[in-house]
C-alpha atoms as a PDB file:
ATOM      1  CA  MET A   1       0.000   0.000   0.000  1.00  0.00           C
ATOM      2  CA  LYS A   2       2.145   2.822  -1.308  1.00  0.00           C
ATOM      3  CA  ASP A   3      -0.150   5.519   0.077  1.00  0.00           C
ATOM      4  CA  SER A   4       0.972   4.623   3.599  1.00  0.00           C
ATOM      5  CA  ILE A   5       2.830   7.163   5.740  1.00  0.00           C
ATOM      6  CA  GLY A   6       5.880   6.496   7.890  1.00  0.00           C
ATOM      7  CA  PHE A   7       6.939   8.406  10.997  1.00  0.00           C
ATOM      8  CA  ILE A   8      10.363   8.140  12.653  1.00  0.00           C
ATOM      9  CA  GLY A   9      11.133   9.798  15.987  1.00  0.00           C
ATOM     10  CA  LEU A  10       8.626   9.766  18.848  1.00  0.00           C
ATOM     11  CA  GLY A  11      10.160  12.162  21.331  1.00  0.00           C
ATOM     12  CA  VAL A  12       8.701  15.175  23.116  1.00  0.00           C
ATOM     13  CA  MET A  13       7.562  16.671  19.806  1.00  0.00           C
ATOM     14  CA  GLY A  14       7.227  13.646  17.563  1.00  0.00           C
ATOM     15  CA  LEU A  15       4.855  11.668  19.773  1.00  0.00           C
ATOM     16  CA  PRO A  16       2.064  14.277  19.968  1.00  0.00           C
ATOM     17  CA  MET A  17       2.570  15.135  16.303  1.00  0.00           C
ATOM     18  CA  LEU A  18       2.062  11.481  15.381  1.00  0.00           C
ATOM     19  CA  SER A  19      -1.008  11.262  17.632  1.00  0.00           C
ATOM     20  CA  ASN A  20      -2.627  14.152  15.769  1.00  0.00           C
ATOM     21  CA  LEU A  21      -1.673  12.628  12.426  1.00  0.00           C
ATOM     22  CA  ALA A  22      -3.223   9.307  13.479  1.00  0.00           C
ATOM     23  CA  ARG A  23      -6.500  11.021  14.401  1.00  0.00           C
ATOM     24  CA  SER A  24      -6.806  12.703  11.016  1.00  0.00           C
ATOM     25  CA  GLY A  25      -8.044   9.659   9.132  1.00  0.00           C
ATOM     26  CA  HIS A  26      -5.062   8.552   7.026  1.00  0.00           C
ATOM     27  CA  SER A  27      -5.355   4.980   5.821  1.00  0.00           C
ATOM     28  CA  ARG A  28      -2.154   3.466   7.257  1.00  0.00           C
ATOM     29  CA  ILE A  29       0.655   4.939   9.344  1.00  0.00           C
ATOM     30  CA  PHE A  30       3.785   3.061  10.396  1.00  0.00           C
ATOM     31  CA  ALA A  31       5.672   4.535  13.358  1.00  0.00           C
ATOM     32  CA  TYR A  32       9.211   3.746  14.484  1.00  0.00           C
ATOM     33  CA  ASP A  33      11.356   4.701  17.448  1.00  0.00           C
ATOM     34  CA  THR A  34      14.388   3.068  19.012  1.00  0.00           C
ATOM     35  CA  SER A  35      12.553   3.167  22.361  1.00  0.00           C
ATOM     36  CA  SER A  36       9.463   1.087  23.094  1.00  0.00           C
ATOM     37  CA  GLU A  37       8.193   3.616  25.654  1.00  0.00           C
ATOM     38  CA  PRO A  38       6.227   5.832  23.210  1.00  0.00           C
ATOM     39  CA  PHE A  39       4.203   2.830  22.077  1.00  0.00           C
ATOM     40  CA  ASN A  40       2.908   2.263  25.610  1.00  0.00           C
ATOM     41  CA  ILE A  41       1.240   5.665  25.191  1.00  0.00           C
ATOM     42  CA  LEU A  42       0.184   5.119  21.572  1.00  0.00           C
ATOM     43  CA  ARG A  43      -1.664   1.925  22.499  1.00  0.00           C
ATOM     44  CA  GLN A  44      -4.290   4.175  24.063  1.00  0.00           C
ATOM     45  CA  GLU A  45      -5.007   5.724  20.652  1.00  0.00           C
ATOM     46  CA  PRO A  46      -8.173   4.326  19.004  1.00  0.00           C
ATOM     47  CA  ALA A  47      -6.244   4.064  15.732  1.00  0.00           C
ATOM     48  CA  PHE A  48      -3.528   1.809  17.182  1.00  0.00           C
ATOM     49  CA  ASN A  49      -3.377  -1.532  15.353  1.00  0.00           C
ATOM     50  CA  HIS A  50      -6.179  -0.340  13.064  1.00  0.00           C
ATOM     51  CA  THR A  51      -4.622   2.414  10.967  1.00  0.00           C
ATOM     52  CA  LEU A  52      -1.590   3.140  13.175  1.00  0.00           C
ATOM     53  CA  PHE A  53       1.040   0.423  13.484  1.00  0.00           C
ATOM     54  CA  GLN A  54       4.361   0.016  15.232  1.00  0.00           C
ATOM     55  CA  ALA A  55       7.126  -0.594  12.696  1.00  0.00           C
ATOM     56  CA  ASP A  56       9.386  -3.355  13.990  1.00  0.00           C
ATOM     57  CA  ASP A  57      12.258  -2.097  11.864  1.00  0.00           C
ATOM     58  CA  PRO A  58      12.837   0.543   9.153  1.00  0.00           C
ATOM     59  CA  GLY A  59      12.204  -2.075   6.461  1.00  0.00           C
ATOM     60  CA  CYS A  60       8.478  -1.602   7.077  1.00  0.00           C
ATOM     61  CA  PHE A  61       8.731   1.773   5.359  1.00  0.00           C
ATOM     62  CA  GLU A  62       9.045   0.181   1.923  1.00  0.00           C
ATOM     63  CA  GLN A  63       5.226   0.322   1.958  1.00  0.00           C
ATOM     64  CA  CYS A  64       5.233   4.110   2.361  1.00  0.00           C
ATOM     65  CA  SER A  65       5.103   6.883  -0.215  1.00  0.00           C
ATOM     66  CA  VAL A  66       5.896   9.514   2.444  1.00  0.00           C
ATOM     67  CA  VAL A  67       8.078   9.157   5.533  1.00  0.00           C
ATOM     68  CA  ILE A  68       8.336  11.882   8.175  1.00  0.00           C
ATOM     69  CA  THR A  69      11.436  12.179  10.341  1.00  0.00           C
ATOM     70  CA  MET A  70      11.341  14.103  13.627  1.00  0.00           C
ATOM     71  CA  LEU A  71      14.793  13.517  15.078  1.00  0.00           C
ATOM     72  CA  PRO A  72      17.073  15.522  17.400  1.00  0.00           C
ATOM     73  CA  ASN A  73      19.883  16.445  15.010  1.00  0.00           C
ATOM     74  CA  SER A  74      21.335  15.981  11.536  1.00  0.00           C
ATOM     75  CA  ARG A  75      23.666  13.152  12.564  1.00  0.00           C
ATOM     76  CA  ILE A  76      20.740  10.988  13.675  1.00  0.00           C
ATOM     77  CA  THR A  77      18.612  12.102  10.724  1.00  0.00           C
ATOM     78  CA  ASN A  78      21.401  11.263   8.273  1.00  0.00           C
ATOM     79  CA  ALA A  79      21.762   7.821   9.852  1.00  0.00           C
ATOM     80  CA  ALA A  80      18.030   7.200   9.440  1.00  0.00           C
ATOM     81  CA  ILE A  81      18.131   8.311   5.806  1.00  0.00           C
ATOM     82  CA  LEU A  82      21.488   6.960   4.614  1.00  0.00           C
ATOM     83  CA  GLY A  83      21.858   4.036   7.001  1.00  0.00           C
ATOM     84  CA  GLU A  84      24.475   3.274   9.611  1.00  0.00           C
ATOM     85  CA  GLY A  85      26.530   0.132  10.042  1.00  0.00           C
ATOM     86  CA  GLU A  86      24.474  -2.859   8.922  1.00  0.00           C
ATOM     87  CA  THR A  87      21.192  -0.966   9.197  1.00  0.00           C
ATOM     88  CA  GLN A  88      19.758   0.211   5.896  1.00  0.00           C
ATOM     89  CA  GLY A  89      18.494   3.765   5.646  1.00  0.00           C
ATOM     90  CA  LEU A  90      15.418   5.137   3.937  1.00  0.00           C
ATOM     91  CA  ALA A  91      17.490   5.886   0.832  1.00  0.00           C
ATOM     92  CA  HIS A  92      17.834   2.126   0.282  1.00  0.00           C
ATOM     93  CA  ILE A  93      14.326   1.173   1.418  1.00  0.00           C
ATOM     94  CA  LEU A  94      11.951   3.624  -0.238  1.00  0.00           C
ATOM     95  CA  ALA A  95      10.768   3.267  -3.814  1.00  0.00           C
ATOM     96  CA  ARG A  96      11.429   5.849  -6.511  1.00  0.00           C
ATOM     97  CA  GLY A  97       8.871   8.631  -6.336  1.00  0.00           C
ATOM     98  CA  SER A  98       8.762   8.578  -2.529  1.00  0.00           C
ATOM     99  CA  THR A  99       9.222  11.646  -0.324  1.00  0.00           C
ATOM    100  CA  ILE A 100      11.022  12.139   2.985  1.00  0.00           C
ATOM    101  CA  ILE A 101       9.773  15.086   5.055  1.00  0.00           C
ATOM    102  CA  ASP A 102      12.375  16.135   7.622  1.00  0.00           C
ATOM    103  CA  MET A 103      10.494  17.996  10.352  1.00  0.00           C
ATOM    104  CA  GLY A 104      13.417  18.219  12.768  1.00  0.00           C
ATOM    105  CA  SER A 105      15.633  21.270  13.231  1.00  0.00           C
ATOM    106  CA  SER A 106      18.369  19.919  10.984  1.00  0.00           C
ATOM    107  CA  ASP A 107      21.467  21.685   9.710  1.00  0.00           C
ATOM    108  CA  PRO A 108      20.618  23.236   6.310  1.00  0.00           C
ATOM    109  CA  ALA A 109      24.139  22.466   5.093  1.00  0.00           C
ATOM    110  CA  GLU A 110      23.461  18.765   5.724  1.00  0.00           C
ATOM    111  CA  THR A 111      20.061  19.056   4.064  1.00  0.00           C
ATOM    112  CA  LEU A 112      21.745  20.437   0.939  1.00  0.00           C
ATOM    113  CA  LYS A 113      24.103  17.438   0.906  1.00  0.00           C
ATOM    114  CA  LEU A 114      21.265  14.931   1.221  1.00  0.00           C
ATOM    115  CA  ILE A 115      19.079  16.359  -1.547  1.00  0.00           C
ATOM    116  CA  PRO A 116      21.248  15.277  -4.542  1.00  0.00           C
ATOM    117  CA  ILE A 117      22.041  11.889  -2.965  1.00  0.00           C
ATOM    118  CA  LEU A 118      18.354  11.120  -2.618  1.00  0.00           C
ATOM    119  CA  SER A 119      17.492  12.661  -5.974  1.00  0.00           C
ATOM    120  CA  GLU A 120      19.765  10.128  -7.693  1.00  0.00           C
ATOM    121  CA  ARG A 121      17.546   7.424  -6.201  1.00  0.00           C
ATOM    122  CA  GLY A 122      14.345   9.170  -7.259  1.00  0.00           C
ATOM    123  CA  ILE A 123      13.496  10.229  -3.702  1.00  0.00           C
ATOM    124  CA  ARG A 124      12.557  13.781  -2.773  1.00  0.00           C
ATOM    125  CA  LEU A 125      13.605  15.431   0.498  1.00  0.00           C
ATOM    126  CA  VAL A 126      11.422  18.241   1.858  1.00  0.00           C
ATOM    127  CA  ASP A 127      12.560  20.199   4.917  1.00  0.00           C
ATOM    128  CA  ALA A 128       9.593  21.130   7.108  1.00  0.00           C
ATOM    129  CA  PRO A 129      10.746  22.128  10.608  1.00  0.00           C
ATOM    130  CA  VAL A 130       8.227  23.256  13.195  1.00  0.00           C
ATOM    131  CA  SER A 131       7.852  26.071  15.691  1.00  0.00           C
ATOM    132  CA  GLY A 132       5.632  26.090  18.761  1.00  0.00           C
ATOM    133  CA  ALA A 133       7.149  23.634  21.271  1.00  0.00           C
ATOM    134  CA  ALA A 134       5.437  20.681  22.921  1.00  0.00           C
ATOM    135  CA  ALA A 135       2.239  22.451  23.987  1.00  0.00           C
ATOM    136  CA  LYS A 136       1.325  23.334  20.412  1.00  0.00           C
ATOM    137  CA  ALA A 137       2.465  19.934  19.178  1.00  0.00           C
ATOM    138  CA  ARG A 138      -0.186  18.435  21.464  1.00  0.00           C
ATOM    139  CA  THR A 139      -2.938  20.748  20.200  1.00  0.00           C
ATOM    140  CA  GLY A 140      -1.919  20.486  16.535  1.00  0.00           C
ATOM    141  CA  GLU A 141      -1.233  24.222  16.350  1.00  0.00           C
ATOM    142  CA  LEU A 142       2.401  24.216  15.272  1.00  0.00           C
ATOM    143  CA  SER A 143       3.750  26.574  12.656  1.00  0.00           C
ATOM    144  CA  ILE A 144       5.405  24.539   9.903  1.00  0.00           C
ATOM    145  CA  MET A 145       7.965  26.029   7.526  1.00  0.00           C
ATOM    146  CA  ILE A 146       8.260  24.125   4.255  1.00  0.00           C
ATOM    147  CA  GLY A 147      11.299  24.192   1.986  1.00  0.00           C
ATOM    148  CA  GLY A 148       9.380  24.652  -1.230  1.00  0.00           C
ATOM    149  CA  ASP A 149       6.857  26.802  -3.063  1.00  0.00           C
ATOM    150  CA  GLN A 150       3.122  27.073  -2.454  1.00  0.00           C
ATOM    151  CA  GLU A 151       2.504  24.116  -4.767  1.00  0.00           C
ATOM    152  CA  CYS A 152       4.680  21.994  -2.477  1.00  0.00           C
ATOM    153  CA  VAL A 153       2.722  23.244   0.541  1.00  0.00           C
ATOM    154  CA  GLU A 154      -0.584  22.258  -1.047  1.00  0.00           C
ATOM    155  CA  GLU A 155       0.749  18.835  -2.039  1.00  0.00           C
ATOM    156  CA  PHE A 156       1.498  17.938   1.565  1.00  0.00           C
ATOM    157  CA  ARG A 157      -1.240  19.959   3.264  1.00  0.00           C
ATOM    158  CA  PRO A 158      -3.443  16.859   3.839  1.00  0.00           C
ATOM    159  CA  ILE A 159      -0.627  15.389   5.955  1.00  0.00           C
ATOM    160  CA  LEU A 160       0.878  18.457   7.590  1.00  0.00           C
ATOM    161  CA  SER A 161      -2.344  20.305   8.441  1.00  0.00           C
ATOM    162  CA  SER A 162      -3.172  17.725  11.107  1.00  0.00           C
ATOM    163  CA  MET A 163      -0.005  18.743  12.971  1.00  0.00           C
ATOM    164  CA  GLY A 164       0.170  22.470  12.269  1.00  0.00           C
ATOM    165  CA  ARG A 165      -2.181  25.407  12.065  1.00  0.00           C
ATOM    166  CA  GLN A 166       0.074  27.545   9.856  1.00  0.00           C
ATOM    167  CA  LEU A 167       1.933  26.157   6.825  1.00  0.00           C
ATOM    168  CA  ILE A 168       4.487  28.582   5.392  1.00  0.00           C
ATOM    169  CA  ALA A 169       6.225  28.191   2.033  1.00  0.00           C
ATOM    170  CA  ALA A 170       9.902  29.006   2.677  1.00  0.00           C
ATOM    171  CA  GLY A 171      10.770  29.154  -1.022  1.00  0.00           C
ATOM    172  CA  LYS A 172      13.389  26.537  -1.836  1.00  0.00           C
ATOM    173  CA  PRO A 173      14.882  23.304  -0.467  1.00  0.00           C
ATOM    174  CA  SER A 174      16.852  23.815   2.786  1.00  0.00           C
ATOM    175  CA  ALA A 175      15.424  27.344   3.204  1.00  0.00           C
ATOM    176  CA  ALA A 176      13.035  26.187   5.920  1.00  0.00           C
ATOM    177  CA  HIS A 177      15.843  24.644   7.959  1.00  0.00           C
ATOM    178  CA  ALA A 178      17.896  27.836   7.582  1.00  0.00           C
ATOM    179  CA  MET A 179      14.996  30.086   8.606  1.00  0.00           C
ATOM    180  CA  LYS A 180      14.184  27.847  11.580  1.00  0.00           C
ATOM    181  CA  ALA A 181      17.791  28.049  12.801  1.00  0.00           C
ATOM    182  CA  LEU A 182      17.791  31.843  12.519  1.00  0.00           C
ATOM    183  CA  ASN A 183      14.420  32.048  14.270  1.00  0.00           C
ATOM    184  CA  ASN A 184      15.780  29.938  17.118  1.00  0.00           C
ATOM    185  CA  TYR A 185      18.780  32.255  17.397  1.00  0.00           C
ATOM    186  CA  VAL A 186      16.522  35.296  17.772  1.00  0.00           C
ATOM    187  CA  TYR A 187      14.467  33.450  20.413  1.00  0.00           C
ATOM    188  CA  ALA A 188      17.540  32.221  22.318  1.00  0.00           C
ATOM    189  CA  ALA A 189      19.059  35.706  22.311  1.00  0.00           C
ATOM    190  CA  GLY A 190      15.818  37.065  23.768  1.00  0.00           C
ATOM    191  CA  LEU A 191      15.687  34.380  26.459  1.00  0.00           C
ATOM    192  CA  LEU A 192      19.331  35.001  27.345  1.00  0.00           C
ATOM    193  CA  ALA A 193      18.789  38.769  27.533  1.00  0.00           C
ATOM    194  CA  ALA A 194      15.684  38.339  29.708  1.00  0.00           C
ATOM    195  CA  SER A 195      17.552  35.951  32.020  1.00  0.00           C
ATOM    196  CA  GLU A 196      20.473  38.365  32.357  1.00  0.00           C
ATOM    197  CA  ALA A 197      18.157  41.293  33.066  1.00  0.00           C
ATOM    198  CA  VAL A 198      16.273  39.350  35.744  1.00  0.00           C
ATOM    199  CA  ALA A 199      19.526  38.164  37.326  1.00  0.00           C
ATOM    200  CA  ILE A 200      20.732  41.789  37.547  1.00  0.00           C
ATOM    201  CA  ALA A 201      17.376  42.867  39.008  1.00  0.00           C
ATOM    202  CA  GLU A 202      17.593  40.078  41.597  1.00  0.00           C
ATOM    203  CA  ALA A 203      21.127  41.082  42.577  1.00  0.00           C
ATOM    204  CA  MET A 204      19.909  44.666  43.030  1.00  0.00           C
ATOM    205  CA  GLN A 205      17.033  43.381  45.201  1.00  0.00           C
ATOM    206  CA  LEU A 206      14.427  44.733  42.808  1.00  0.00           C
ATOM    207  CA  ASP A 207      10.916  43.311  42.639  1.00  0.00           C
ATOM    208  CA  THR A 208      11.310  40.831  39.760  1.00  0.00           C
ATOM    209  CA  GLU A 209       7.554  40.195  39.443  1.00  0.00           C
ATOM    210  CA  LEU A 210       7.047  43.911  38.951  1.00  0.00           C
ATOM    211  CA  PHE A 211      10.052  44.089  36.631  1.00  0.00           C
ATOM    212  CA  THR A 212       8.521  41.340  34.481  1.00  0.00           C
ATOM    213  CA  ASP A 213       5.266  43.303  34.287  1.00  0.00           C
ATOM    214  CA  ILE A 214       7.240  46.375  33.210  1.00  0.00           C
ATOM    215  CA  LEU A 215       9.096  44.391  30.537  1.00  0.00           C
ATOM    216  CA  ASN A 216       5.820  43.039  29.175  1.00  0.00           C
ATOM    217  CA  ALA A 217       4.313  46.528  29.050  1.00  0.00           C
ATOM    218  CA  SER A 218       7.380  48.006  27.375  1.00  0.00           C
ATOM    219  CA  SER A 219       9.689  47.653  24.392  1.00  0.00           C
ATOM    220  CA  GLY A 220      11.673  44.858  26.085  1.00  0.00           C
ATOM    221  CA  ARG A 221       8.743  42.459  25.696  1.00  0.00           C
ATOM    222  CA  ASN A 222       9.402  39.196  23.833  1.00  0.00           C
ATOM    223  CA  VAL A 223       8.074  35.651  23.893  1.00  0.00           C
ATOM    224  CA  ALA A 224      10.516  34.711  26.664  1.00  0.00           C
ATOM    225  CA  THR A 225       9.420  37.561  28.949  1.00  0.00           C
ATOM    226  CA  GLU A 226       5.773  36.714  28.273  1.00  0.00           C
ATOM    227  CA  THR A 227       5.894  32.926  28.644  1.00  0.00           C
ATOM    228  CA  LYS A 228       9.041  31.905  30.532  1.00  0.00           C
ATOM    229  CA  LEU A 229       9.808  34.401  33.297  1.00  0.00           C
ATOM    230  CA  LYS A 230       6.901  34.066  35.741  1.00  0.00           C
ATOM    231  CA  PRO A 231       6.109  30.347  35.265  1.00  0.00           C
ATOM    232  CA  PHE A 232       9.646  28.968  35.131  1.00  0.00           C
ATOM    233  CA  ILE A 233      12.470  31.450  35.772  1.00  0.00           C
ATOM    234  CA  LEU A 234      11.342  33.618  38.694  1.00  0.00           C
ATOM    235  CA  PRO A 235      10.351  30.580  40.818  1.00  0.00           C
ATOM    236  CA  ARG A 236      13.500  28.798  39.550  1.00  0.00           C
ATOM    237  CA  HIS A 237      11.319  25.956  38.339  1.00  0.00           C
ATOM    238  CA  TYR A 238      13.273  25.372  35.155  1.00  0.00           C
ATOM    239  CA  ALA A 239      10.836  23.198  33.203  1.00  0.00           C
ATOM    240  CA  GLY A 240       9.714  25.196  30.184  1.00  0.00           C
ATOM    241  CA  GLY A 241       9.590  22.152  27.907  1.00  0.00           C
ATOM    242  CA  PHE A 242      12.596  22.602  25.607  1.00  0.00           C
ATOM    243  CA  ALA A 243      15.985  21.039  26.278  1.00  0.00           C
ATOM    244  CA  LEU A 244      18.968  23.330  26.721  1.00  0.00           C
ATOM    245  CA  ALA A 245      21.012  20.862  24.662  1.00  0.00           C
ATOM    246  CA  LEU A 246      18.680  21.349  21.696  1.00  0.00           C
ATOM    247  CA  GLN A 247      18.808  25.128  22.111  1.00  0.00           C
ATOM    248  CA  ALA A 248      22.619  25.018  22.039  1.00  0.00           C
ATOM    249  CA  LYS A 249      22.503  22.742  18.992  1.00  0.00           C
ATOM    250  CA  ASP A 250      20.193  25.134  17.152  1.00  0.00           C
ATOM    251  CA  LEU A 251      22.544  28.032  17.898  1.00  0.00           C
ATOM    252  CA  ALA A 252      25.532  26.096  16.597  1.00  0.00           C
ATOM    253  CA  ILE A 253      23.591  25.520  13.361  1.00  0.00           C
ATOM    254  CA  ALA A 254      22.673  29.210  13.124  1.00  0.00           C
ATOM    255  CA  SER A 255      26.283  30.213  13.748  1.00  0.00           C
ATOM    256  CA  GLY A 256      27.384  27.940  10.911  1.00  0.00           C
ATOM    257  CA  LEU A 257      25.152  29.833   8.487  1.00  0.00           C
ATOM    258  CA  GLN A 258      27.608  32.733   8.573  1.00  0.00           C
ATOM    259  CA  SER A 259      29.988  30.889   6.255  1.00  0.00           C
ATOM    260  CA  LEU A 260      27.159  29.995   3.854  1.00  0.00           C
ATOM    261  CA  ALA A 261      26.092  33.653   3.839  1.00  0.00           C
ATOM    262  CA  GLY A 262      29.647  34.973   3.479  1.00  0.00           C
ATOM    263  CA  MET A 263      29.374  37.362   6.413  1.00  0.00           C
ATOM    264  CA  GLU A 264      30.162  37.692  10.106  1.00  0.00           C
ATOM    265  CA  ALA A 265      27.621  37.994  12.940  1.00  0.00           C
ATOM    266  CA  PRO A 266      29.533  38.659  16.186  1.00  0.00           C
ATOM    267  CA  GLN A 267      26.458  38.744  18.427  1.00  0.00           C
ATOM    268  CA  LEU A 268      25.377  35.364  17.068  1.00  0.00           C
ATOM    269  CA  ASP A 269      28.839  33.962  17.834  1.00  0.00           C
ATOM    270  CA  LEU A 270      28.722  35.322  21.388  1.00  0.00           C
ATOM    271  CA  CYS A 271      25.213  34.004  21.969  1.00  0.00           C
ATOM    272  CA  ALA A 272      26.132  30.552  20.632  1.00  0.00           C
ATOM    273  CA  SER A 273      29.283  30.404  22.775  1.00  0.00           C
ATOM    274  CA  LEU A 274      27.366  31.308  25.964  1.00  0.00           C
ATOM    275  CA  TRP A 275      24.753  28.630  25.337  1.00  0.00           C
ATOM    276  CA  ALA A 276      27.525  26.100  24.614  1.00  0.00           C
ATOM    277  CA  GLU A 277      29.196  27.081  27.906  1.00  0.00           C
ATOM    278  CA  ALA A 278      25.875  26.649  29.717  1.00  0.00           C
ATOM    279  CA  LEU A 279      25.457  23.200  28.170  1.00  0.00           C
ATOM    280  CA  ALA A 280      28.915  22.180  29.401  1.00  0.00           C
ATOM    281  CA  THR A 281      28.305  23.639  32.877  1.00  0.00           C
ATOM    282  CA  LEU A 282      24.740  22.735  33.851  1.00  0.00           C
ATOM    283  CA  PRO A 283      23.523  19.212  34.691  1.00  0.00           C
ATOM    284  CA  ALA A 284      22.672  16.930  31.780  1.00  0.00           C
ATOM    285  CA  GLY A 285      19.041  17.173  30.732  1.00  0.00           C
ATOM    286  CA  SER A 286      18.624  20.805  31.800  1.00  0.00           C
ATOM    287  CA  ASP A 287      15.777  22.852  30.345  1.00  0.00           C
ATOM    288  CA  ASN A 288      16.594  25.924  28.281  1.00  0.00           C
ATOM    289  CA  THR A 289      15.094  28.158  30.984  1.00  0.00           C
ATOM    290  CA  ALA A 290      17.999  27.026  33.206  1.00  0.00           C
ATOM    291  CA  ILE A 291      20.100  29.547  31.256  1.00  0.00           C
ATOM    292  CA  HIS A 292      19.005  31.848  34.108  1.00  0.00           C
ATOM    293  CA  ARG A 293      20.700  29.538  36.626  1.00  0.00           C
ATOM    294  CA  PHE A 294      23.834  29.552  34.478  1.00  0.00           C
ATOM    295  CA  ILE A 295      23.857  33.364  34.438  1.00  0.00           C
ATOM    296  CA  ARG A 296      23.339  33.562  38.208  1.00  0.00           C
ATOM    297  CA  GLU A 297      26.076  31.056  39.018  1.00  0.00           C
ATOM    298  CA  ARG A 298      28.599  32.024  36.348  1.00  0.00           C
ATOM    299  CA  LYS A 299      31.802  33.380  37.826  1.00  0.00           C
ATOM    300  CA  PRO A 300      33.115  36.677  36.432  1.00  0.00           C
ATOM    301  CA  HIS A 301      35.918  36.248  33.902  1.00  0.00           C
END
């Protein structure tokens, strides 16, 4: 059944995205993850073992015309697509005319390398990263950037619209991954700035609740001040729902775009280096809102 859909990567984002896809009425979906834990949750879905099936191994995807990957980084995505060791990748499994939709925040330079490799095998790669974090993944309200024109958006709308409220044509292959990386840089810079400002206010014994209200009523307002300060940073309950390791990875990708663009961005370099330092300093598994803890505890140089 070549109209079947595959889905690889059932993490914090991938699992709710797949759940919404499964509820949208597609005929057959095969899901794969190296962990069995997500399937304990998926068994509660009415579609499980009816139209949604656990793929025992990637070979099951030979039945699929479209396979979605939602994986943490380009190294893991490349392994899933090209294979690793004795494990065959999608490039060797899928039939000509198939499409891989990479919805992770992959490195656009790696995406550009994969496109001609897959094209030689008659397989199309579409980059379609998402924005909105886990809460919007659960409600199916993600924003999805698509590396293609409006025709490409419409082709995959029946699949992607179950996971995202806004589908945006980014213009050309790899453009969506590049724009996502730059978006994440702007967000991370805002979160870092807000964390620094709050840390200074704390050290000066200012009312940080009031300071947050002032930020959100003034030109310093951003998504971090609106959604991260009071729930997660001020109470030092660092659980905003996005891993610091992924934030640092996204910044490293954004920093690498400087060479592709042929220009220098010193603030981007500084931001990326601070997040990398935080990743090396804070406990493994820290949330990105713990950048505030890093700022508070960082010793002056």
